[in-house]
Protein backbone atom coordinates (compact mmCIF):
# COMPACT_ATOMS: atom_id res chain seq x y z
CA UNK A 1 -0.26 -0.10 0.61
CA UNK A 2 1.84 3.51 -1.10
CA UNK A 3 1.37 6.18 1.59
CA UNK A 4 1.14 9.31 1.04
CA UNK A 5 4.39 11.52 1.57
CA UNK A 6 2.96 13.51 4.62
CA UNK A 7 3.12 10.66 6.36
CA UNK A 8 7.01 9.44 5.51
CA UNK A 9 7.17 12.85 6.90
CA UNK A 10 5.61 12.89 9.95
CA UNK A 11 7.45 9.56 10.78
CA UNK A 12 10.60 11.68 10.28
CA UNK A 13 9.54 14.94 12.19
CA UNK A 14 8.22 12.47 15.28
CA UNK A 15 11.63 10.50 14.68
CA UNK A 16 13.49 14.04 15.16
CA UNK A 17 11.42 15.38 17.92
CA UNK A 18 12.77 12.10 20.24
CA UNK A 19 10.24 8.98 19.38
CA UNK A 20 11.54 6.01 18.51
CA UNK A 21 10.70 4.77 15.28
CA UNK A 22 8.63 2.63 16.53
CA UNK A 23 6.66 5.17 18.01
CA UNK A 24 6.53 7.78 15.35
CA UNK A 25 5.27 5.06 12.86
CA UNK A 26 2.64 3.81 15.22
CA UNK A 27 1.37 7.80 15.64
CA UNK A 28 1.68 8.62 11.81
CA UNK A 29 -0.59 5.57 10.94
CA UNK A 30 1.62 3.18 9.34
CA UNK A 31 4.06 0.28 9.32
CA UNK A 32 7.17 -0.60 10.82
CA UNK A 33 9.17 -1.89 8.66
CA UNK A 34 7.79 0.62 6.49
CA UNK A 35 9.26 3.40 8.73
CA UNK A 36 12.31 1.09 8.81
CA UNK A 37 12.35 1.17 5.06
CA UNK A 38 11.77 5.28 4.47
CA UNK A 39 14.54 5.83 7.52
CA UNK A 40 16.87 3.26 5.88
CA UNK A 41 16.27 4.94 2.15
CA UNK A 42 17.03 8.19 3.38
CA UNK A 43 20.33 7.60 4.30
CA UNK A 44 21.01 6.44 1.20
CA UNK A 45 20.36 9.79 0.26
CA UNK A 46 22.17 11.66 2.59
CA UNK A 47 19.59 12.38 4.89
CA UNK A 48 20.91 10.71 8.53
CA UNK A 49 17.80 10.83 10.59
CA UNK A 50 20.27 9.81 13.26
CA UNK A 51 22.64 12.66 13.19
CA UNK A 52 19.19 14.92 12.97
CA UNK A 53 17.43 13.61 15.77
CA UNK A 54 20.82 14.10 17.48
CA UNK A 55 21.37 17.68 16.51
CA UNK A 56 17.44 18.63 17.03
CA UNK A 57 17.79 17.11 20.87
CA UNK A 58 20.80 19.13 21.74
CA UNK A 59 19.03 22.30 20.77
CA UNK A 60 15.62 21.20 22.31
CA UNK A 61 17.20 20.21 25.58
CA UNK A 62 18.97 24.15 25.11
CA UNK A 63 21.95 23.35 23.25
CA UNK A 64 25.91 21.29 23.31
CA UNK A 65 26.35 23.29 26.15
CA UNK A 66 22.96 22.62 28.22
CA UNK A 67 24.18 18.96 27.59
CA UNK A 68 27.79 19.38 28.79
CA UNK A 69 26.61 20.89 32.15
CA UNK A 70 24.68 17.36 32.47
CA UNK A 71 28.13 15.93 32.15
CA UNK A 72 29.84 18.34 34.12
CA UNK A 73 27.34 18.26 36.72
CA UNK A 74 26.80 14.25 37.56
CA UNK A 75 30.75 13.60 37.58
CA UNK A 76 30.09 16.48 40.14
CA UNK A 77 27.22 14.23 41.85
CA UNK A 78 29.65 10.77 41.16
CA UNK A 79 32.78 13.21 43.04
CA UNK A 80 30.27 13.96 46.15
CA UNK A 81 28.87 10.03 46.11
CA UNK A 82 32.56 8.25 46.29
CA UNK A 83 33.36 11.36 48.61
CA UNK A 84 31.02 10.68 51.40
CA UNK A 85 31.61 6.58 50.52
CA UNK A 86 34.86 7.65 51.10
CA UNK A 87 33.71 8.82 54.89
CA UNK A 88 31.30 6.46 55.90
CA UNK A 89 33.75 3.44 55.88
CA UNK A 90 35.98 6.13 58.12
CA UNK A 91 33.44 6.73 60.67
CA UNK A 92 32.63 3.07 60.57
CA UNK A 93 36.11 2.25 61.85
CA UNK A 94 36.73 5.53 63.43
CA UNK A 95 38.99 7.04 61.74
CA UNK A 96 39.97 9.99 59.07
CA UNK A 97 39.60 8.90 55.93
CA UNK A 98 42.52 7.28 53.96
CA UNK A 99 44.49 9.03 52.28
CA UNK A 100 46.18 7.06 49.57
CA UNK A 101 41.98 5.99 49.16
CA UNK A 102 41.33 9.59 48.61
CA UNK A 103 43.81 10.36 46.54
CA UNK A 104 42.73 7.46 44.51
CA UNK A 105 38.82 8.45 44.53
CA UNK A 106 39.87 12.20 43.15
CA UNK A 107 42.52 10.86 40.50
CA UNK A 108 40.08 8.54 39.00
CA UNK A 109 37.54 11.28 39.35
CA UNK A 110 39.64 13.56 37.51
CA UNK A 111 40.44 11.42 35.15
CA UNK A 112 36.77 10.67 34.09
CA UNK A 113 36.21 14.66 33.53
CA UNK A 114 39.77 14.81 31.66
CA UNK A 115 38.50 12.07 29.33
CA UNK A 116 34.62 13.95 29.02
CA UNK A 117 36.14 17.44 28.23
CA UNK A 118 38.48 15.68 25.93
CA UNK A 119 34.63 14.25 24.61
CA UNK A 120 33.64 17.09 24.15
CA UNK A 121 36.19 19.31 22.70
CA UNK A 122 36.08 16.93 19.69
CA UNK A 123 32.51 16.45 19.55
CA UNK A 124 31.28 20.06 20.26
CA UNK A 125 32.16 21.62 17.02
CA UNK A 126 30.58 19.87 14.45
CA UNK A 127 27.21 19.00 17.52
CA UNK A 128 27.05 22.50 17.17
CA UNK A 129 27.70 23.69 14.44
CA UNK A 130 24.70 20.80 12.60
CA UNK A 131 22.22 21.87 16.01
CA UNK A 132 22.44 25.83 14.76
CA UNK A 133 21.88 24.68 10.97
CA UNK A 134 19.23 22.62 12.07
CA UNK A 135 16.99 25.06 14.44
CA UNK A 136 17.97 27.67 11.94
CA UNK A 137 16.31 25.74 9.18
CA UNK A 138 13.34 24.39 11.23
CA UNK A 139 12.76 28.53 12.53
CA UNK A 140 13.00 29.55 8.83
CA UNK A 141 10.53 27.07 7.55
CA UNK A 142 8.21 27.54 9.80
CA UNK A 143 8.58 31.13 9.22
CA UNK A 144 7.96 30.00 6.08
CA UNK A 145 4.49 27.90 6.42
CA UNK A 146 2.96 30.52 9.15
CA UNK A 147 3.09 33.12 6.36
CA UNK A 148 2.96 31.19 3.40
CA UNK A 149 0.32 27.65 3.83
CA UNK A 150 0.55 27.48 0.02
CA UNK A 151 4.14 27.31 0.08
CA UNK A 152 4.51 24.10 2.09
CA UNK A 153 5.10 21.69 -0.81
CA UNK A 154 8.08 23.70 -1.58
CA UNK A 155 9.27 24.30 1.28
CA UNK A 156 9.45 20.64 2.24
CA UNK A 157 11.04 19.72 -1.34
CA UNK A 158 13.76 22.67 -0.10
CA UNK A 159 14.47 21.29 3.44
CA UNK A 160 14.67 17.52 2.41
CA UNK A 161 17.35 19.11 -0.53
CA UNK A 162 19.04 20.82 1.82
CA UNK A 163 19.42 18.21 4.40
CA UNK A 164 20.97 14.94 1.33
CA UNK A 165 23.67 17.73 0.54
CA UNK A 166 21.92 18.96 -2.68
CA UNK A 167 23.10 22.47 -1.31
């Protein structure tokens, strides 16, 4: 059964918005196999739904800085938990925290933070650029459709061409 183009666009939109492919297909009323085929076909044309989903979620979540802030917060919480465990172990024995264990814990946490920072530096330029492009294009197309609803078909075609690298 052939599905209207709008169904494929709905699956893509819902997937990029954060739903799983199964949820997006269900919401659009198409079989999961069809949605998988559409996603695979799009990838062959240079439209990587997974990359756009990641970028969309970064934009929705406050940007790469917010994402890295969440990582930093998680590391701080981990550091506090490790230090609390060291203190509890020391209190149970009636002693001060073991300086060797404390130094090892701090070194491990510093190593984790260093690795997270290195990963962010390696990933941020591409992810940030993609997030900015995606947000700008999305905002422009939303404005265009609000001002000129009859432009939906050419706007969607232009977005698809842009996403597939036909710039």
